[in-house]
């Protein structure tokens, strides 16, 4: 299992997140999910990182 360690340095994602992405997308879309798991995992990580957060005082209830 050296592949997640190698890819984690390249795409700046934790190795466990790469394994989870492969399992998730592979279970969802089979072979093509495994094939595109790392790019999709990187995309999800980027979206989560740059998603704007709203301060609690700005939330109107």
PDB file of N, CA and C in Angstrom:
ATOM      1  N   UNK A   1       0.827  -1.183   0.000  1.00  0.00           N
ATOM      2  CA  UNK A   1       0.000   0.000   0.000  1.00  0.00           C
ATOM      3  C   UNK A   1       0.870   1.245   0.000  1.00  0.00           C
ATOM      4  N   UNK A   2       1.811   1.296  -0.895  1.00  0.00           N
ATOM      5  CA  UNK A   2       2.688   2.464  -1.000  1.00  0.00           C
ATOM      6  C   UNK A   2       2.077   3.529  -1.913  1.00  0.00           C
ATOM      7  N   UNK A   3       1.104   3.139  -2.733  1.00  0.00           N
ATOM      8  CA  UNK A   3       0.512   4.089  -3.685  1.00  0.00           C
ATOM      9  C   UNK A   3      -0.161   5.266  -2.976  1.00  0.00           C
ATOM     10  N   UNK A   4      -0.987   5.064  -1.931  1.00  0.00           N
ATOM     11  CA  UNK A   4      -1.560   6.238  -1.255  1.00  0.00           C
ATOM     12  C   UNK A   4      -0.496   7.154  -0.656  1.00  0.00           C
ATOM     13  N   UNK A   5       0.609   6.589  -0.176  1.00  0.00           N
ATOM     14  CA  UNK A   5       1.670   7.430   0.364  1.00  0.00           C
ATOM     15  C   UNK A   5       2.320   8.275  -0.723  1.00  0.00           C
ATOM     16  N   UNK A   6       2.529   7.685  -1.888  1.00  0.00           N
ATOM     17  CA  UNK A   6       3.133   8.433  -2.993  1.00  0.00           C
ATOM     18  C   UNK A   6       2.196   9.523  -3.508  1.00  0.00           C
ATOM     19  N   UNK A   7       0.930   9.162  -3.704  1.00  0.00           N
ATOM     20  CA  UNK A   7      -0.024  10.141  -4.222  1.00  0.00           C
ATOM     21  C   UNK A   7      -0.325  11.235  -3.201  1.00  0.00           C
ATOM     22  N   UNK A   8      -0.253  10.916  -1.905  1.00  0.00           N
ATOM     23  CA  UNK A   8      -0.569  11.931  -0.902  1.00  0.00           C
ATOM     24  C   UNK A   8       0.420  13.085  -0.944  1.00  0.00           C
ATOM     25  N   UNK A   9       1.667  12.803  -1.284  1.00  0.00           N
ATOM     26  CA  UNK A   9       2.655  13.879  -1.399  1.00  0.00           C
ATOM     27  C   UNK A   9       2.418  14.722  -2.643  1.00  0.00           C
ATOM     28  N   UNK A  10       1.909  14.114  -3.695  1.00  0.00           N
ATOM     29  CA  UNK A  10       1.702  14.833  -4.956  1.00  0.00           C
ATOM     30  C   UNK A  10       0.463  15.722  -4.892  1.00  0.00           C
ATOM     31  N   UNK A  11      -0.636  15.203  -4.371  1.00  0.00           N
ATOM     32  CA  UNK A  11      -1.896  15.954  -4.397  1.00  0.00           C
ATOM     33  C   UNK A  11      -2.248  16.599  -3.058  1.00  0.00           C
ATOM     34  N   UNK A  12      -1.380  16.482  -2.061  1.00  0.00           N
ATOM     35  CA  UNK A  12      -1.582  17.097  -0.739  1.00  0.00           C
ATOM     36  C   UNK A  12      -2.881  16.656  -0.066  1.00  0.00           C
ATOM     37  N   UNK A  13      -3.134  15.363  -0.095  1.00  0.00           N
ATOM     38  CA  UNK A  13      -4.275  14.769   0.596  1.00  0.00           C
ATOM     39  C   UNK A  13      -3.731  13.675   1.499  1.00  0.00           C
ATOM     40  N   UNK A  14      -4.350  13.486   2.647  1.00  0.00           N
ATOM     41  CA  UNK A  14      -3.933  12.439   3.580  1.00  0.00           C
ATOM     42  C   UNK A  14      -4.101  11.066   2.918  1.00  0.00           C
ATOM     43  N   UNK A  15      -3.170  10.131   3.144  1.00  0.00           N
ATOM     44  CA  UNK A  15      -3.275   8.794   2.527  1.00  0.00           C
ATOM     45  C   UNK A  15      -4.580   8.066   2.848  1.00  0.00           C
ATOM     46  N   UNK A  16      -5.101   8.253   4.053  1.00  0.00           N
ATOM     47  CA  UNK A  16      -6.376   7.610   4.409  1.00  0.00           C
ATOM     48  C   UNK A  16      -7.512   8.184   3.567  1.00  0.00           C
ATOM     49  N   UNK A  17      -7.454   9.477   3.271  1.00  0.00           N
ATOM     50  CA  UNK A  17      -8.484  10.097   2.424  1.00  0.00           C
ATOM     51  C   UNK A  17      -8.428   9.529   1.012  1.00  0.00           C
ATOM     52  N   UNK A  18      -7.243   9.199   0.527  1.00  0.00           N
ATOM     53  CA  UNK A  18      -7.118   8.587  -0.796  1.00  0.00           C
ATOM     54  C   UNK A  18      -7.741   7.197  -0.793  1.00  0.00           C
ATOM     55  N   UNK A  19      -7.488   6.423   0.253  1.00  0.00           N
ATOM     56  CA  UNK A  19      -8.077   5.086   0.343  1.00  0.00           C
ATOM     57  C   UNK A  19      -9.595   5.172   0.436  1.00  0.00           C
ATOM     58  N   UNK A  20     -10.096   6.122   1.222  1.00  0.00           N
ATOM     59  CA  UNK A  20     -11.549   6.311   1.343  1.00  0.00           C
ATOM     60  C   UNK A  20     -12.142   6.724  -0.002  1.00  0.00           C
ATOM     61  N   UNK A  21     -11.460   7.610  -0.735  1.00  0.00           N
ATOM     62  CA  UNK A  21     -11.950   8.032  -2.050  1.00  0.00           C
ATOM     63  C   UNK A  21     -12.013   6.859  -3.014  1.00  0.00           C
ATOM     64  N   UNK A  22     -10.992   6.011  -2.999  1.00  0.00           N
ATOM     65  CA  UNK A  22     -10.983   4.845  -3.887  1.00  0.00           C
ATOM     66  C   UNK A  22     -12.125   3.901  -3.530  1.00  0.00           C
ATOM     67  N   UNK A  23     -12.330   3.655  -2.241  1.00  0.00           N
ATOM     68  CA  UNK A  23     -13.421   2.773  -1.827  1.00  0.00           C
ATOM     69  C   UNK A  23     -14.784   3.373  -2.151  1.00  0.00           C
ATOM     70  N   UNK A  24     -14.951   4.663  -1.887  1.00  0.00           N
ATOM     71  CA  UNK A  24     -16.249   5.314  -2.113  1.00  0.00           C
ATOM     72  C   UNK A  24     -16.593   5.369  -3.599  1.00  0.00           C
ATOM     73  N   UNK A  25     -15.692   5.972  -4.393  1.00  0.00           N
ATOM     74  CA  UNK A  25     -15.988   6.126  -5.817  1.00  0.00           C
ATOM     75  C   UNK A  25     -15.958   4.783  -6.551  1.00  0.00           C
ATOM     76  N   UNK A  26     -15.127   3.848  -6.098  1.00  0.00           N
ATOM     77  CA  UNK A  26     -15.125   2.515  -6.683  1.00  0.00           C
ATOM     78  C   UNK A  26     -16.415   1.779  -6.411  1.00  0.00           C
ATOM     79  N   UNK A  27     -16.947   1.926  -5.203  1.00  0.00           N
ATOM     80  CA  UNK A  27     -18.232   1.306  -4.888  1.00  0.00           C
ATOM     81  C   UNK A  27     -19.382   1.964  -5.623  1.00  0.00           C
ATOM     82  N   UNK A  28     -19.228   3.255  -5.904  1.00  0.00           N
ATOM     83  CA  UNK A  28     -20.293   4.000  -6.575  1.00  0.00           C
ATOM     84  C   UNK A  28     -20.312   3.735  -8.078  1.00  0.00           C
ATOM     85  N   UNK A  29     -19.127   3.782  -8.721  1.00  0.00           N
ATOM     86  CA  UNK A  29     -19.058   3.683 -10.176  1.00  0.00           C
ATOM     87  C   UNK A  29     -18.168   2.556 -10.688  1.00  0.00           C
ATOM     88  N   UNK A  30     -17.754   1.635  -9.839  1.00  0.00           N
ATOM     89  CA  UNK A  30     -16.980   0.481 -10.289  1.00  0.00           C
ATOM     90  C   UNK A  30     -15.593   0.856 -10.778  1.00  0.00           C
ATOM     91  N   UNK A  31     -15.200   0.260 -11.921  1.00  0.00           N
ATOM     92  CA  UNK A  31     -13.859   0.478 -12.458  1.00  0.00           C
ATOM     93  C   UNK A  31     -13.589   1.956 -12.711  1.00  0.00           C
ATOM     94  N   UNK A  32     -14.548   2.660 -13.313  1.00  0.00           N
ATOM     95  CA  UNK A  32     -14.329   4.067 -13.623  1.00  0.00           C
ATOM     96  C   UNK A  32     -14.230   4.905 -12.352  1.00  0.00           C
ATOM     97  N   UNK A  33     -14.910   4.506 -11.312  1.00  0.00           N
ATOM     98  CA  UNK A  33     -14.788   5.196 -10.035  1.00  0.00           C
ATOM     99  C   UNK A  33     -13.402   5.049  -9.438  1.00  0.00           C
ATOM    100  N   UNK A  34     -12.828   3.841  -9.559  1.00  0.00           N
ATOM    101  CA  UNK A  34     -11.459   3.626  -9.081  1.00  0.00           C
ATOM    102  C   UNK A  34     -10.477   4.410  -9.939  1.00  0.00           C
ATOM    103  N   UNK A  35     -10.727   4.446 -11.231  1.00  0.00           N
ATOM    104  CA  UNK A  35      -9.845   5.147 -12.170  1.00  0.00           C
ATOM    105  C   UNK A  35      -9.813   6.650 -11.887  1.00  0.00           C
ATOM    106  N   UNK A  36     -10.963   7.222 -11.564  1.00  0.00           N
ATOM    107  CA  UNK A  36     -11.047   8.667 -11.332  1.00  0.00           C
ATOM    108  C   UNK A  36     -11.114   9.043  -9.854  1.00  0.00           C
ATOM    109  N   UNK A  37     -10.835   8.128  -8.950  1.00  0.00           N
ATOM    110  CA  UNK A  37     -10.996   8.385  -7.516  1.00  0.00           C
ATOM    111  C   UNK A  37     -10.063   9.480  -7.013  1.00  0.00           C
ATOM    112  N   UNK A  38      -8.807   9.455  -7.399  1.00  0.00           N
ATOM    113  CA  UNK A  38      -7.859  10.443  -6.883  1.00  0.00           C
ATOM    114  C   UNK A  38      -8.154  11.845  -7.433  1.00  0.00           C
ATOM    115  N   UNK A  39      -8.418  12.004  -8.729  1.00  0.00           N
ATOM    116  CA  UNK A  39      -8.804  13.351  -9.189  1.00  0.00           C
ATOM    117  C   UNK A  39     -10.105  13.851  -8.547  1.00  0.00           C
ATOM    118  N   UNK A  40     -11.086  12.957  -8.390  1.00  0.00           N
ATOM    119  CA  UNK A  40     -12.333  13.378  -7.755  1.00  0.00           C
ATOM    120  C   UNK A  40     -12.127  13.676  -6.279  1.00  0.00           C
ATOM    121  N   UNK A  41     -11.289  12.896  -5.618  1.00  0.00           N
ATOM    122  CA  UNK A  41     -10.970  13.174  -4.219  1.00  0.00           C
ATOM    123  C   UNK A  41     -10.268  14.506  -4.053  1.00  0.00           C
ATOM    124  N   UNK A  42      -9.373  14.828  -4.984  1.00  0.00           N
ATOM    125  CA  UNK A  42      -8.692  16.119  -4.959  1.00  0.00           C
ATOM    126  C   UNK A  42      -9.687  17.257  -5.183  1.00  0.00           C
ATOM    127  N   UNK A  43     -10.626  17.051  -6.088  1.00  0.00           N
ATOM    128  CA  UNK A  43     -11.659  18.055  -6.339  1.00  0.00           C
ATOM    129  C   UNK A  43     -12.516  18.279  -5.099  1.00  0.00           C
ATOM    130  N   UNK A  44     -12.946  17.211  -4.455  1.00  0.00           N
ATOM    131  CA  UNK A  44     -13.764  17.332  -3.243  1.00  0.00           C
ATOM    132  C   UNK A  44     -12.977  18.046  -2.145  1.00  0.00           C
ATOM    133  N   UNK A  45     -11.709  17.689  -1.991  1.00  0.00           N
ATOM    134  CA  UNK A  45     -10.865  18.338  -0.985  1.00  0.00           C
ATOM    135  C   UNK A  45     -10.722  19.832  -1.271  1.00  0.00           C
ATOM    136  N   UNK A  46     -10.539  20.206  -2.520  1.00  0.00           N
ATOM    137  CA  UNK A  46     -10.403  21.623  -2.878  1.00  0.00           C
ATOM    138  C   UNK A  46     -11.687  22.396  -2.613  1.00  0.00           C
ATOM    139  N   UNK A  47     -12.821  21.800  -2.940  1.00  0.00           N
ATOM    140  CA  UNK A  47     -14.099  22.472  -2.708  1.00  0.00           C
ATOM    141  C   UNK A  47     -14.334  22.665  -1.219  1.00  0.00           C
ATOM    142  N   UNK A  48     -14.025  21.650  -0.415  1.00  0.00           N
ATOM    143  CA  UNK A  48     -14.196  21.773   1.031  1.00  0.00           C
ATOM    144  C   UNK A  48     -13.264  22.833   1.595  1.00  0.00           C
ATOM    145  N   UNK A  49     -12.054  22.918   1.062  1.00  0.00           N
ATOM    146  CA  UNK A  49     -11.074  23.875   1.565  1.00  0.00           C
ATOM    147  C   UNK A  49     -11.483  25.323   1.290  1.00  0.00           C
ATOM    148  N   UNK A  50     -11.995  25.604   0.101  1.00  0.00           N
ATOM    149  CA  UNK A  50     -12.306  26.992  -0.265  1.00  0.00           C
ATOM    150  C   UNK A  50     -13.764  27.377  -0.035  1.00  0.00           C
ATOM    151  N   UNK A  51     -14.585  26.460   0.480  1.00  0.00           N
ATOM    152  CA  UNK A  51     -15.991  26.757   0.714  1.00  0.00           C
ATOM    153  C   UNK A  51     -16.106  27.894   1.723  1.00  0.00           C
ATOM    154  N   UNK A  52     -16.856  28.949   1.397  1.00  0.00           N
ATOM    155  CA  UNK A  52     -16.955  30.074   2.330  1.00  0.00           C
ATOM    156  C   UNK A  52     -17.740  29.675   3.578  1.00  0.00           C
ATOM    157  N   UNK A  53     -17.294  30.190   4.693  1.00  0.00           N
ATOM    158  CA  UNK A  53     -18.000  29.932   5.946  1.00  0.00           C
ATOM    159  C   UNK A  53     -18.700  31.205   6.397  1.00  0.00           C
ATOM    160  N   UNK A  54     -19.847  31.042   6.991  1.00  0.00           N
ATOM    161  CA  UNK A  54     -20.620  32.179   7.476  1.00  0.00           C
ATOM    162  C   UNK A  54     -20.425  32.258   8.982  1.00  0.00           C
ATOM    163  N   UNK A  55     -19.983  33.404   9.492  1.00  0.00           N
ATOM    164  CA  UNK A  55     -19.836  33.539  10.947  1.00  0.00           C
ATOM    165  C   UNK A  55     -21.188  33.353  11.634  1.00  0.00           C
ATOM    166  N   UNK A  56     -21.211  32.774  12.837  1.00  0.00           N
ATOM    167  CA  UNK A  56     -22.484  32.512  13.532  1.00  0.00           C
ATOM    168  C   UNK A  56     -23.330  33.764  13.770  1.00  0.00           C
ATOM    169  N   UNK A  57     -22.694  34.926  13.928  1.00  0.00           N
ATOM    170  CA  UNK A  57     -23.479  36.132  14.183  1.00  0.00           C
ATOM    171  C   UNK A  57     -24.232  36.622  12.941  1.00  0.00           C
ATOM    172  N   UNK A  58     -23.874  36.144  11.771  1.00  0.00           N
ATOM    173  CA  UNK A  58     -24.535  36.563  10.537  1.00  0.00           C
ATOM    174  C   UNK A  58     -25.748  35.690  10.217  1.00  0.00           C
ATOM    175  N   UNK A  59     -25.930  34.586  10.914  1.00  0.00           N
ATOM    176  CA  UNK A  59     -27.041  33.675  10.655  1.00  0.00           C
ATOM    177  C   UNK A  59     -28.301  34.224  11.317  1.00  0.00           C
ATOM    178  N   UNK A  60     -29.352  34.420  10.509  1.00  0.00           N
ATOM    179  CA  UNK A  60     -30.626  34.940  11.045  1.00  0.00           C
ATOM    180  C   UNK A  60     -31.552  33.773  11.262  1.00  0.00           C
ATOM    181  N   UNK A  61     -32.136  33.726  12.430  1.00  0.00           N
ATOM    182  CA  UNK A  61     -33.041  32.613  12.753  1.00  0.00           C
ATOM    183  C   UNK A  61     -34.457  33.120  12.840  1.00  0.00           C
TER     184      UNK A  61
END
